[in-house]
Amino acid sequence: MRAAPASRMPVARRAAGLAIAVAAALGLAACTASSPAAAPSVTDSQAGGQGAPATSDAVALTVGECFDDTGGTNDSPTREVTQVPVVACSQEHDFEVYDDFSLSGDGYPGDAQVSARAEAQCLASFESFVGVAADRSEYAYTYLAPTQASWTEAGDRLVSCLIGMPDGKTTGSLAGIAK
């Protein structure tokens, strides 16, 4: 349902704050997340020696999927992401999708509104997933959110909430980890 047809161009989504690397300036929108205090450094993704990870459209990610950072630079608080390297959660990975939700409306609400909604919902759902409040967790969150172009050209309304370790990779799901 959320996967783009093969004939359609990849949909660009915003990765806010940490060039898709979880932390305070995390997010995939133009906002700076206010929860975790230190953004992790961007890492080069590797599939743990088990071959190249499968690539997925960023809009096709579902809750429970894990993926690696797309790399690149962190020159600005946001960047666009179209594809991500999906890996089994049992392998080392940078992020796990722990929640997602759709924004509503016909017209793009603007970067600030998208960021505010994404930040609020991802923060609200963090504790029920991890088992501890975000401000007491050793893990950090960020999100992938629609860009104005993906909203108007592809109907993208999905926000994906992501969790990861601010200073490295994790192995396994972080559901109920209570740290």
Protein backbone atom coordinates (compact mmCIF):
# COMPACT_ATOMS: atom_id res chain seq x y z
CA MET A 1 0.00 0.00 0.00
CA ARG A 2 2.76 2.43 0.82
CA ALA A 3 5.25 1.00 -1.60
CA ALA A 4 5.64 3.04 -4.77
CA PRO A 5 4.97 1.23 -8.02
CA ALA A 6 8.17 0.22 -9.78
CA SER A 7 7.48 2.63 -12.62
CA ARG A 8 7.29 5.62 -10.29
CA MET A 9 10.34 7.67 -9.40
CA PRO A 10 11.59 7.25 -5.82
CA VAL A 11 9.92 9.58 -3.36
CA ALA A 12 12.30 11.85 -1.49
CA ARG A 13 11.65 12.13 2.23
CA ARG A 14 13.26 14.46 4.70
CA ALA A 15 15.64 13.13 7.26
CA ALA A 16 15.91 15.78 9.87
CA GLY A 17 18.65 16.63 12.21
CA LEU A 18 20.94 13.80 12.04
CA ALA A 19 21.18 13.10 8.44
CA ILE A 20 19.18 10.15 9.51
CA ALA A 21 21.15 9.40 12.57
CA VAL A 22 19.17 9.51 15.73
CA ALA A 23 19.45 12.22 18.32
CA ALA A 24 18.45 15.63 19.43
CA ALA A 25 18.52 17.27 16.10
CA LEU A 26 16.92 14.16 14.82
CA GLY A 27 14.21 14.06 12.46
CA LEU A 28 13.56 13.93 8.89
CA ALA A 29 11.93 17.18 8.67
CA ALA A 30 13.25 20.64 9.06
CA CYS A 31 12.96 20.52 12.79
CA THR A 32 15.33 19.83 15.55
CA ALA A 33 14.12 17.16 17.91
CA SER A 34 14.40 18.16 21.50
CA SER A 35 14.75 14.81 23.19
CA PRO A 36 18.12 13.08 23.11
CA ALA A 37 20.96 15.49 23.59
CA ALA A 38 23.72 14.27 21.32
CA ALA A 39 23.34 13.35 17.68
CA PRO A 40 25.28 10.30 16.60
CA SER A 41 27.77 10.59 13.82
CA VAL A 42 26.78 9.42 10.40
CA THR A 43 28.14 5.98 9.64
CA ASP A 44 28.91 4.10 6.47
CA SER A 45 26.39 1.30 6.26
CA GLN A 46 27.57 -2.27 6.10
CA ALA A 47 25.54 -5.45 6.15
CA GLY A 48 27.79 -7.11 8.70
CA GLY A 49 29.67 -9.13 6.13
CA GLN A 50 26.56 -10.83 4.86
CA GLY A 51 26.31 -9.17 1.47
CA ALA A 52 24.74 -5.92 0.49
CA PRO A 53 21.52 -5.07 2.30
CA ALA A 54 18.28 -4.91 0.35
CA THR A 55 17.35 -1.39 -0.67
CA SER A 56 13.84 -0.14 0.05
CA ASP A 57 11.98 3.03 -0.81
CA ALA A 58 11.92 5.23 2.29
CA VAL A 59 8.12 5.48 1.96
CA ALA A 60 7.78 1.69 2.02
CA LEU A 61 9.30 1.18 5.50
CA THR A 62 7.02 -0.48 8.02
CA VAL A 63 7.01 -0.72 11.81
CA GLY A 64 9.49 -3.36 12.93
CA GLU A 65 11.88 -2.96 9.99
CA CYS A 66 15.53 -2.11 10.59
CA PHE A 67 17.89 -0.28 8.29
CA ASP A 68 21.26 1.38 8.08
CA ASP A 69 22.03 5.04 7.74
CA THR A 70 22.37 6.16 4.16
CA GLY A 71 25.65 7.93 4.92
CA GLY A 72 26.50 11.24 3.36
CA THR A 73 27.16 14.53 5.02
CA ASN A 74 25.40 16.35 7.79
CA ASP A 75 25.82 19.81 6.25
CA SER A 76 22.31 20.93 7.09
CA PRO A 77 19.72 20.06 9.70
CA THR A 78 17.72 18.10 7.11
CA ARG A 79 18.37 16.06 4.01
CA GLU A 80 16.30 14.15 1.53
CA VAL A 81 16.28 10.38 1.52
CA THR A 82 14.71 8.21 -1.16
CA GLN A 83 16.19 4.76 -0.53
CA VAL A 84 17.45 3.02 2.60
CA PRO A 85 19.42 -0.21 3.05
CA VAL A 86 17.08 -2.55 4.96
CA VAL A 87 18.70 -5.26 7.08
CA ALA A 88 17.41 -7.96 9.40
CA CYS A 89 17.03 -6.57 12.91
CA SER A 90 19.13 -9.50 14.12
CA GLN A 91 22.09 -7.91 12.29
CA GLU A 92 23.82 -4.68 13.33
CA HIS A 93 21.79 -1.70 12.18
CA ASP A 94 21.42 2.03 12.73
CA PHE A 95 17.64 2.39 13.00
CA GLU A 96 14.45 0.52 13.73
CA VAL A 97 11.03 1.85 12.72
CA TYR A 98 9.06 1.88 15.98
CA ASP A 99 5.94 3.78 14.95
CA ASP A 100 4.39 5.39 11.91
CA PHE A 101 1.39 7.56 11.22
CA SER A 102 -0.12 9.55 8.39
CA LEU A 103 -0.56 13.29 8.26
CA SER A 104 -3.80 14.61 6.82
CA GLY A 105 -4.79 17.39 4.48
CA ASP A 106 -4.64 18.27 0.84
CA GLY A 107 -2.12 21.09 0.94
CA TYR A 108 1.37 20.68 2.34
CA PRO A 109 1.22 22.17 5.87
CA GLY A 110 4.81 23.44 5.75
CA ASP A 111 8.07 22.16 7.17
CA ALA A 112 7.47 23.59 10.65
CA GLN A 113 4.05 21.93 10.99
CA VAL A 114 5.27 18.60 9.66
CA SER A 115 8.22 18.71 12.03
CA ALA A 116 6.10 19.67 15.03
CA ARG A 117 3.61 16.83 14.41
CA ALA A 118 6.38 14.29 13.79
CA GLU A 119 8.30 15.35 16.88
CA ALA A 120 5.21 15.23 19.11
CA GLN A 121 3.95 11.84 17.90
CA CYS A 122 7.36 10.15 17.86
CA LEU A 123 8.09 11.41 21.37
CA ALA A 124 4.64 10.31 22.57
CA SER A 125 5.07 6.77 21.25
CA PHE A 126 8.70 6.33 22.36
CA GLU A 127 8.05 5.25 25.96
CA SER A 128 5.41 2.67 25.08
CA PHE A 129 7.84 1.08 22.60
CA VAL A 130 11.06 1.22 24.65
CA GLY A 131 9.63 0.97 28.16
CA VAL A 132 11.27 4.15 29.47
CA ALA A 133 10.78 7.85 28.72
CA ALA A 134 12.93 9.32 25.95
CA ASP A 135 14.67 11.74 28.32
CA ARG A 136 15.82 8.78 30.47
CA SER A 137 16.73 6.43 27.64
CA GLU A 138 20.18 5.68 26.31
CA TYR A 139 18.57 5.45 22.87
CA ALA A 140 17.47 8.33 20.72
CA TYR A 141 14.76 8.89 18.14
CA THR A 142 14.34 10.69 14.87
CA TYR A 143 11.88 10.44 12.00
CA LEU A 144 11.40 10.38 8.26
CA ALA A 145 8.75 12.79 7.05
CA PRO A 146 7.30 13.96 3.73
CA THR A 147 8.87 16.79 1.79
CA GLN A 148 6.74 19.34 -0.02
CA ALA A 149 7.59 17.59 -3.29
CA SER A 150 6.75 14.09 -2.03
CA TRP A 151 3.50 15.41 -0.53
CA THR A 152 2.28 17.10 -3.71
CA GLU A 153 3.78 14.84 -6.37
CA ALA A 154 3.40 11.41 -4.78
CA GLY A 155 0.75 11.83 -2.08
CA ASP A 156 3.27 10.99 0.66
CA ARG A 157 1.76 11.59 4.12
CA LEU A 158 3.68 8.98 6.14
CA VAL A 159 5.90 9.83 9.10
CA SER A 160 8.16 6.99 10.24
CA CYS A 161 9.50 7.20 13.82
CA LEU A 162 13.00 5.74 14.15
CA ILE A 163 15.04 4.63 17.14
CA GLY A 164 18.74 3.93 17.41
CA MET A 165 21.88 4.31 19.47
CA PRO A 166 23.25 7.87 19.35
CA ASP A 167 26.85 6.70 19.12
CA GLY A 168 26.68 3.43 17.23
CA LYS A 169 24.70 0.50 15.98
CA THR A 170 22.35 -1.90 17.73
CA THR A 171 21.54 -5.56 17.22
CA GLY A 172 18.04 -6.92 17.72
CA SER A 173 14.79 -5.08 18.27
CA LEU A 174 14.70 -2.36 20.90
CA ALA A 175 11.05 -3.08 21.73
CA GLY A 176 10.67 -3.23 25.52
CA ILE A 177 14.43 -2.82 26.13
CA ALA A 178 13.71 -0.41 29.03
CA LYS A 179 17.04 1.40 28.77
